[in-house]
Amino acid sequence: MGRLTGGDPSLLRRINSAVVLHSLRGAGALTLTDLTRVTGLSRPTVEGVIEGLMETGLVVECAPEEGETRKQGRPARRFRFCAEAGHLLGIEIGPHRVAALLAGLDGRIIGSGSRDVSETADADARLERVRLAVTDVLRRSGVARSSLRAVGVGSPGIVETDGTVRLGTALPQWTGLPLGERLRRSFRCPVLVENDANAAALAEQWKGAATESDDIVFVLAGLSPGAGALIGGRLHRGFGGAAGEIGALHLLGREVTPERLLSTTDEPLHPLDEQAVAKVFAEAKQGDVRAQEAVERFIQRLVHDVAALVLALDPELVVIGGWAAGLDGVLDPLRDELSRYCLRPPRVTLSLLGEAAVATGALRLALDHVEEELFAVQGTVTARR
């Protein structure tokens, strides 16, 4: 789009349309008088914009409330944003399960579902489970696939902007997988792929523990932990999409891997064996000395890795998620460590979204994309980001 000038009525119409639509989306049903007051546009301009938006299906006229006509004669026409004019999908792809969340254009979730998947499943089998989960959610919600306006995906690994997984050691056959391209075959709308920890960070700011913070670090805890960061409210991916890969810090002169740190035997745990991990923590809570020592070793490593990222980014808030989200033992050591090194230590808290964080963040990716289409016009600030 070119620069706005007095001779550019097309761009001016788009700006007016975005302003009116944004006002309706945030306020519910409004009359023409309400919209004139809220937007500062003239009544004829608002009437023209509303007519155009109704033709696209994004705005509908509300039916008069019962008794309104009898009391007031002909009531003022009221209009609302039509969230059901399209739908969004958020998908999580993980080692043990895939999950999908379905929402209208307002981001409100109207359907969800998940499917278990083996940690040893190859790429084709895992993607087939994704397709089955999506089909099931759409069917149960009564939503046609053609209604989808955008799909967001959260996946382990370092993800390129086109959705290719440049490096993904957590899942078999994941490194080099053109994940975005493979998934686009199943949809007729944009598919946006993001690292799972990055997606979870977006989710926590949207609906979780970080709704009041713009500078946050989200830690997806595990034997191979990852982290996502928002700086100034924007996702920080880094030059190559590898920002926050704290799971690789053990390579910097530390020979002992997290899998060995948490082992109570001479054999390291498998990085994807969550049951074995849960067993160690359960035994530690029951008083098993070797398990307690293993948990202590692991927590110290996690704390040091997170502290390194915090020192570099200076966030306001650190959110701990992943399977370690229920481990209160992580919080106090992390707070103590950060207080030793940080001039102003960040707050540390557990995720409020739990296992739904990645899929919720993927849904936020889809919503951001649609909001850019609906509201962002050059020279305006109507979009969320």
Protein backbone atom coordinates (compact mmCIF):
# COMPACT_ATOMS: atom_id res chain seq x y z
CA MET A 1 0.00 0.00 0.00
CA GLY A 2 1.25 3.45 -0.85
CA ARG A 3 1.53 6.51 1.35
CA LEU A 4 -1.78 8.05 2.39
CA THR A 5 -2.60 11.20 0.41
CA GLY A 6 -5.67 13.30 -0.17
CA GLY A 7 -6.13 11.57 -3.54
CA ASP A 8 -6.14 8.04 -2.16
CA PRO A 9 -9.80 7.29 -1.35
CA SER A 10 -9.23 3.51 -1.44
CA LEU A 11 -6.75 3.62 1.44
CA LEU A 12 -8.94 6.07 3.32
CA ARG A 13 -11.86 3.64 3.05
CA ARG A 14 -9.67 0.84 4.40
CA ILE A 15 -8.64 2.98 7.34
CA ASN A 16 -12.24 3.91 8.13
CA SER A 17 -13.30 0.28 7.78
CA ALA A 18 -10.55 -0.89 10.15
CA VAL A 19 -11.47 1.76 12.73
CA VAL A 20 -15.17 0.87 12.70
CA LEU A 21 -14.53 -2.88 12.76
CA HIS A 22 -12.06 -2.53 15.63
CA SER A 23 -14.60 -0.52 17.62
CA LEU A 24 -17.32 -3.12 17.08
CA ARG A 25 -15.06 -6.02 17.95
CA GLY A 26 -14.10 -4.48 21.28
CA ALA A 27 -17.48 -3.14 22.37
CA GLY A 28 -20.18 -5.57 21.31
CA ALA A 29 -23.39 -4.22 19.74
CA LEU A 30 -23.36 -0.50 18.86
CA THR A 31 -25.73 1.86 17.10
CA LEU A 32 -24.72 4.19 14.28
CA THR A 33 -24.78 7.04 16.80
CA ASP A 34 -22.49 5.08 19.12
CA LEU A 35 -20.05 4.38 16.29
CA THR A 36 -20.04 8.00 15.20
CA ARG A 37 -19.13 9.05 18.73
CA VAL A 38 -16.52 6.33 19.30
CA THR A 39 -14.73 6.61 15.96
CA GLY A 40 -15.02 10.34 15.36
CA LEU A 41 -16.26 9.66 11.81
CA SER A 42 -19.28 11.30 10.26
CA ARG A 43 -22.58 9.44 10.27
CA PRO A 44 -22.69 9.08 6.45
CA THR A 45 -19.16 7.65 6.52
CA VAL A 46 -20.08 5.16 9.26
CA GLU A 47 -23.22 4.13 7.36
CA GLY A 48 -21.19 3.47 4.23
CA VAL A 49 -18.56 1.49 6.10
CA ILE A 50 -21.18 -0.61 7.89
CA GLU A 51 -22.86 -1.43 4.60
CA GLY A 52 -19.56 -2.63 3.15
CA LEU A 53 -18.69 -4.69 6.23
CA MET A 54 -22.09 -6.35 6.20
CA GLU A 55 -21.50 -7.39 2.60
CA THR A 56 -18.28 -9.14 3.66
CA GLY A 57 -20.08 -10.91 6.52
CA LEU A 58 -17.84 -9.39 9.19
CA VAL A 59 -20.66 -7.28 10.65
CA VAL A 60 -24.30 -8.24 11.21
CA GLU A 61 -27.31 -6.30 12.40
CA CYS A 62 -28.67 -7.33 15.79
CA ALA A 63 -32.32 -8.24 16.14
CA PRO A 64 -34.33 -5.85 18.36
CA GLU A 65 -34.72 -7.06 21.91
CA GLU A 66 -38.14 -8.36 22.89
CA GLY A 67 -40.44 -5.51 23.84
CA GLU A 68 -38.06 -2.84 22.55
CA THR A 69 -40.29 -1.94 19.59
CA ARG A 70 -43.44 -1.58 21.71
CA LYS A 71 -41.75 0.71 24.22
CA GLN A 72 -39.78 2.99 21.92
CA GLY A 73 -41.36 2.72 18.48
CA ARG A 74 -38.82 1.90 15.84
CA PRO A 75 -35.56 1.13 17.72
CA ALA A 76 -32.15 2.30 16.62
CA ARG A 77 -30.33 -0.25 14.49
CA ARG A 78 -27.52 -2.01 16.32
CA PHE A 79 -24.58 -3.82 14.80
CA ARG A 80 -22.00 -6.29 16.06
CA PHE A 81 -18.76 -7.89 14.93
CA CYS A 82 -19.53 -11.35 13.49
CA ALA A 83 -16.96 -13.57 15.18
CA GLU A 84 -18.50 -16.61 13.51
CA ALA A 85 -17.70 -15.25 10.04
CA GLY A 86 -14.48 -17.24 10.17
CA HIS A 87 -12.50 -19.50 12.45
CA LEU A 88 -8.97 -19.96 13.78
CA LEU A 89 -7.05 -23.06 14.74
CA GLY A 90 -4.18 -23.50 17.19
CA ILE A 91 -2.21 -26.76 17.05
CA GLU A 92 0.35 -28.20 19.44
CA ILE A 93 2.68 -30.95 18.23
CA GLY A 94 4.48 -32.65 21.09
CA PRO A 95 6.37 -35.86 21.87
CA HIS A 96 3.40 -37.64 23.45
CA ARG A 97 0.33 -35.86 22.14
CA VAL A 98 -1.02 -33.47 19.57
CA ALA A 99 -3.76 -30.99 20.47
CA ALA A 100 -5.99 -28.51 18.67
CA LEU A 101 -8.00 -25.48 19.78
CA LEU A 102 -10.71 -23.95 17.61
CA ALA A 103 -11.90 -20.35 17.99
CA GLY A 104 -13.96 -17.70 16.28
CA LEU A 105 -12.47 -14.47 14.94
CA ASP A 106 -12.66 -12.97 18.43
CA GLY A 107 -10.30 -15.63 19.80
CA ARG A 108 -12.91 -17.28 22.02
CA ILE A 109 -12.38 -21.04 22.11
CA ILE A 110 -15.34 -23.06 20.86
CA GLY A 111 -13.77 -26.49 20.48
CA SER A 112 -10.76 -28.53 21.53
CA GLY A 113 -9.36 -32.02 21.22
CA SER A 114 -6.17 -34.05 21.45
CA ARG A 115 -4.71 -37.37 20.36
CA ASP A 116 -1.98 -39.39 22.01
CA VAL A 117 1.06 -40.21 19.91
CA SER A 118 4.09 -42.38 20.57
CA GLU A 119 7.39 -40.64 21.25
CA THR A 120 8.92 -42.97 18.64
CA ALA A 121 6.39 -42.12 15.90
CA ASP A 122 7.95 -40.90 12.67
CA ALA A 123 7.03 -37.59 11.04
CA ASP A 124 4.35 -39.05 8.79
CA ALA A 125 2.60 -40.82 11.65
CA ARG A 126 2.75 -37.76 13.88
CA LEU A 127 1.30 -35.50 11.19
CA GLU A 128 -1.46 -38.02 10.57
CA ARG A 129 -2.40 -37.75 14.25
CA VAL A 130 -2.53 -33.97 13.80
CA ARG A 131 -4.93 -34.34 10.87
CA LEU A 132 -7.15 -36.71 12.83
CA ALA A 133 -7.26 -34.36 15.82
CA VAL A 134 -8.15 -31.38 13.63
CA THR A 135 -10.84 -33.30 11.73
CA ASP A 136 -12.39 -34.45 14.98
CA VAL A 137 -12.49 -30.94 16.49
CA LEU A 138 -14.03 -29.44 13.35
CA ARG A 139 -16.63 -32.20 13.14
CA ARG A 140 -17.68 -31.98 16.77
CA SER A 141 -17.87 -28.17 16.58
CA GLY A 142 -19.84 -28.19 13.34
CA VAL A 143 -17.30 -25.94 11.59
CA ALA A 144 -16.37 -26.39 7.95
CA ARG A 145 -12.67 -26.56 7.11
CA SER A 146 -13.25 -23.86 4.48
CA SER A 147 -14.22 -21.47 7.31
CA LEU A 148 -10.66 -21.43 8.71
CA ARG A 149 -8.93 -18.08 8.22
CA ALA A 150 -5.56 -18.97 9.79
CA VAL A 151 -3.83 -21.88 11.54
CA GLY A 152 -1.09 -21.50 14.15
CA VAL A 153 1.24 -24.37 15.08
CA GLY A 154 3.59 -24.80 18.04
CA SER A 155 6.37 -27.35 17.54
CA PRO A 156 9.61 -28.34 19.26
CA GLY A 157 12.78 -27.27 17.51
CA ILE A 158 14.32 -24.26 15.83
CA VAL A 159 11.79 -23.13 13.24
CA GLU A 160 12.49 -21.06 10.14
CA THR A 161 10.10 -18.29 9.09
CA ASP A 162 8.65 -20.53 6.35
CA GLY A 163 7.82 -23.24 8.89
CA THR A 164 10.78 -25.53 8.19
CA VAL A 165 12.28 -27.15 11.30
CA ARG A 166 15.97 -26.36 10.99
CA LEU A 167 16.86 -28.43 14.05
CA GLY A 168 14.50 -30.61 16.05
CA THR A 169 16.11 -33.28 18.21
CA ALA A 170 13.05 -33.89 20.39
CA LEU A 171 11.03 -35.72 17.71
CA PRO A 172 12.08 -38.45 15.24
CA GLN A 173 12.64 -37.22 11.64
CA TRP A 174 11.92 -33.63 12.69
CA THR A 175 15.20 -31.94 11.71
CA GLY A 176 14.84 -30.53 8.22
CA LEU A 177 11.11 -31.27 8.09
CA PRO A 178 9.19 -28.73 5.93
CA LEU A 179 6.47 -28.68 8.57
CA GLY A 180 4.72 -25.57 7.30
CA GLU A 181 4.63 -26.89 3.74
CA ARG A 182 3.33 -30.29 4.84
CA LEU A 183 0.53 -28.79 6.92
CA ARG A 184 -0.50 -26.28 4.25
CA ARG A 185 -1.59 -29.21 2.11
CA SER A 186 -4.43 -29.76 4.58
CA PHE A 187 -5.66 -26.16 4.72
CA ARG A 188 -6.68 -23.40 2.32
CA CYS A 189 -5.52 -20.64 4.65
CA PRO A 190 -2.19 -19.37 6.01
CA VAL A 191 -0.35 -21.77 8.34
CA LEU A 192 2.09 -20.17 10.79
CA VAL A 193 4.61 -22.41 12.56
CA GLU A 194 6.48 -21.36 15.70
CA ASN A 195 8.73 -22.93 18.31
CA ASP A 196 6.67 -24.38 21.18
CA ALA A 197 8.28 -22.30 23.95
CA ASN A 198 7.81 -19.12 21.91
CA ALA A 199 4.16 -20.00 21.39
CA ALA A 200 3.72 -20.65 25.11
CA ALA A 201 5.22 -17.25 25.93
CA LEU A 202 2.60 -15.59 23.73
CA ALA A 203 -0.10 -17.62 25.46
CA GLU A 204 0.95 -16.62 28.96
CA GLN A 205 0.83 -12.95 28.04
CA TRP A 206 -2.54 -13.38 26.35
CA LYS A 207 -4.40 -15.52 28.88
CA GLY A 208 -1.95 -16.71 31.51
CA ALA A 209 0.41 -15.49 34.19
CA ALA A 210 1.92 -12.60 32.22
CA THR A 211 -1.10 -10.56 31.15
CA GLU A 212 0.28 -7.44 32.85
CA SER A 213 3.88 -7.79 31.62
CA ASP A 214 5.57 -6.92 28.32
CA ASP A 215 9.06 -8.23 29.15
CA ILE A 216 8.86 -11.91 30.05
CA VAL A 217 10.74 -15.17 29.78
CA PHE A 218 8.74 -18.39 29.59
CA VAL A 219 10.65 -21.56 30.44
CA LEU A 220 9.37 -24.82 28.97
CA ALA A 221 11.03 -27.04 31.56
CA GLY A 222 12.13 -30.57 30.82
CA LEU A 223 15.24 -32.64 30.28
CA SER A 224 15.88 -30.47 27.23
CA PRO A 225 14.45 -27.13 28.36
CA GLY A 226 13.62 -24.29 26.04
CA ALA A 227 12.55 -20.72 26.58
CA GLY A 228 10.56 -18.06 24.79
CA ALA A 229 10.91 -14.35 25.41
CA LEU A 230 8.81 -11.27 24.82
CA ILE A 231 10.67 -7.97 24.75
CA GLY A 232 8.52 -4.88 24.77
CA GLY A 233 5.51 -7.12 24.14
CA ARG A 234 6.98 -8.61 20.97
CA LEU A 235 8.28 -12.12 20.49
CA HIS A 236 12.07 -12.28 20.32
CA ARG A 237 13.06 -15.06 17.94
CA GLY A 238 16.67 -14.06 17.33
CA PHE A 239 18.51 -13.84 14.01
CA GLY A 240 18.00 -17.51 13.13
CA GLY A 241 15.01 -18.37 15.30
CA ALA A 242 17.20 -19.99 17.96
CA ALA A 243 16.76 -17.48 20.80
CA GLY A 244 16.04 -19.16 24.13
CA GLU A 245 17.58 -22.56 23.37
CA ILE A 246 18.85 -22.97 26.92
CA GLY A 247 18.76 -26.74 26.51
CA ALA A 248 22.09 -26.44 24.69
CA LEU A 249 23.90 -24.62 27.51
CA HIS A 250 25.23 -27.89 28.89
CA LEU A 251 27.47 -28.03 25.82
CA LEU A 252 29.45 -25.04 27.11
CA GLY A 253 31.99 -26.97 29.12
CA ARG A 254 29.49 -29.11 31.02
CA GLU A 255 29.91 -32.76 30.23
CA VAL A 256 27.03 -34.02 32.35
CA THR A 257 23.73 -33.91 30.47
CA PRO A 258 20.36 -33.24 32.20
CA GLU A 259 19.40 -36.84 31.46
CA ARG A 260 22.25 -38.03 33.70
CA LEU A 261 21.66 -35.40 36.35
CA LEU A 262 18.14 -36.67 36.98
CA SER A 263 19.03 -40.36 36.84
CA THR A 264 19.08 -42.42 40.03
CA THR A 265 21.04 -45.19 38.32
CA ASP A 266 24.13 -45.38 36.15
CA GLU A 267 21.96 -45.11 33.02
CA PRO A 268 20.71 -41.71 31.77
CA LEU A 269 16.99 -41.15 31.39
CA HIS A 270 15.53 -40.93 27.91
CA PRO A 271 14.87 -37.23 27.13
CA LEU A 272 11.27 -37.99 26.12
CA ASP A 273 10.42 -40.47 28.89
CA GLU A 274 8.14 -38.26 30.97
CA GLN A 275 6.96 -41.22 33.06
CA ALA A 276 10.51 -41.92 34.19
CA VAL A 277 10.97 -38.25 35.05
CA ALA A 278 7.71 -38.19 37.02
CA LYS A 279 8.79 -41.32 38.87
CA VAL A 280 12.02 -39.70 40.03
CA PHE A 281 10.19 -36.64 41.35
CA ALA A 282 7.56 -38.81 43.04
CA GLU A 283 10.25 -40.89 44.75
CA ALA A 284 11.98 -37.71 45.89
CA LYS A 285 8.76 -36.48 47.52
CA GLN A 286 8.43 -39.87 49.24
CA GLY A 287 11.85 -39.43 50.82
CA ASP A 288 14.08 -41.52 48.55
CA VAL A 289 17.57 -40.11 49.12
CA ARG A 290 18.99 -40.88 45.65
CA ALA A 291 15.92 -39.39 44.00
CA GLN A 292 16.16 -36.28 46.15
CA GLU A 293 19.80 -35.84 45.19
CA ALA A 294 18.92 -36.28 41.50
CA VAL A 295 16.14 -33.72 41.69
CA GLU A 296 18.42 -31.27 43.47
CA ARG A 297 21.07 -31.67 40.76
CA PHE A 298 18.54 -31.13 38.00
CA ILE A 299 16.93 -28.10 39.63
CA GLN A 300 20.32 -26.44 40.10
CA ARG A 301 21.13 -26.95 36.42
CA LEU A 302 17.76 -25.57 35.35
CA VAL A 303 18.14 -22.61 37.68
CA HIS A 304 21.59 -21.76 36.29
CA ASP A 305 20.39 -22.05 32.70
CA VAL A 306 17.41 -19.77 33.33
CA ALA A 307 19.58 -17.30 35.25
CA ALA A 308 21.92 -16.99 32.25
CA LEU A 309 18.99 -16.01 30.02
CA VAL A 310 17.57 -13.62 32.61
CA LEU A 311 20.89 -11.83 32.98
CA ALA A 312 21.01 -11.30 29.23
CA LEU A 313 17.41 -10.09 28.78
CA ASP A 314 16.48 -8.48 32.13
CA PRO A 315 12.78 -9.46 32.04
CA GLU A 316 10.13 -8.30 34.45
CA LEU A 317 8.70 -11.81 34.86
CA VAL A 318 9.84 -15.43 34.52
CA VAL A 319 7.12 -18.05 34.00
CA ILE A 320 7.94 -21.71 34.54
CA GLY A 321 5.89 -24.16 32.47
CA GLY A 322 6.18 -27.62 30.96
CA TRP A 323 6.05 -30.79 33.02
CA ALA A 324 7.94 -28.97 35.79
CA ALA A 325 5.03 -26.55 36.24
CA GLY A 326 3.82 -28.44 39.29
CA LEU A 327 7.20 -28.48 40.99
CA ASP A 328 7.22 -25.82 43.65
CA GLY A 329 10.82 -26.77 44.36
CA VAL A 330 11.95 -24.91 41.23
CA LEU A 331 10.67 -21.49 42.29
CA ASP A 332 12.56 -20.67 45.49
CA PRO A 333 16.01 -21.77 44.22
CA LEU A 334 15.45 -19.72 41.07
CA ARG A 335 14.38 -16.67 43.06
CA ASP A 336 17.42 -17.03 45.33
CA GLU A 337 19.79 -17.39 42.37
CA LEU A 338 18.37 -14.39 40.53
CA SER A 339 18.50 -12.22 43.65
CA ARG A 340 22.24 -12.90 43.86
CA TYR A 341 23.01 -11.64 40.37
CA CYS A 342 20.25 -9.27 39.23
CA LEU A 343 20.13 -5.61 40.15
CA ARG A 344 16.35 -5.86 40.06
CA PRO A 345 15.36 -9.55 40.15
CA PRO A 346 12.30 -10.48 38.06
CA ARG A 347 9.21 -12.02 39.55
CA VAL A 348 9.07 -15.80 39.19
CA THR A 349 5.82 -17.73 38.91
CA LEU A 350 4.32 -20.94 37.56
CA SER A 351 2.34 -21.13 34.34
CA LEU A 352 -1.41 -20.69 34.69
CA LEU A 353 -2.13 -22.50 31.43
CA GLY A 354 -0.30 -25.76 32.09
CA GLU A 355 -0.37 -28.23 29.22
CA ALA A 356 -2.67 -25.92 27.21
CA ALA A 357 0.00 -23.22 26.89
CA VAL A 358 1.50 -24.25 23.54
CA ALA A 359 -1.83 -24.78 21.73
CA THR A 360 -3.15 -21.52 23.18
CA GLY A 361 -0.08 -19.68 21.93
CA ALA A 362 -0.49 -21.26 18.51
CA LEU A 363 -4.06 -19.96 18.47
CA ARG A 364 -2.74 -16.50 19.35
CA LEU A 365 -0.43 -16.70 16.33
CA ALA A 366 -3.43 -17.33 14.09
CA LEU A 367 -5.39 -14.52 15.74
CA ASP A 368 -2.50 -12.08 15.32
CA HIS A 369 -2.38 -12.91 11.61
CA VAL A 370 -6.10 -12.29 11.15
CA GLU A 371 -5.96 -9.09 13.18
CA GLU A 372 -3.25 -7.82 10.87
CA GLU A 373 -5.53 -8.53 7.91
CA LEU A 374 -8.60 -6.95 9.49
CA PHE A 375 -7.20 -3.99 11.41
CA ALA A 376 -3.66 -3.10 10.38
CA VAL A 377 -3.55 -0.38 7.75
CA GLN A 378 -0.40 1.62 7.06
CA GLY A 379 -0.37 4.68 9.26
CA THR A 380 -2.85 3.28 11.81
CA VAL A 381 -2.39 1.60 15.18
CA THR A 382 -5.57 -0.45 15.32
CA ALA A 383 -3.91 -3.87 15.45
CA ARG A 384 -2.94 -5.52 18.75
CA ARG A 385 0.72 -5.85 17.86
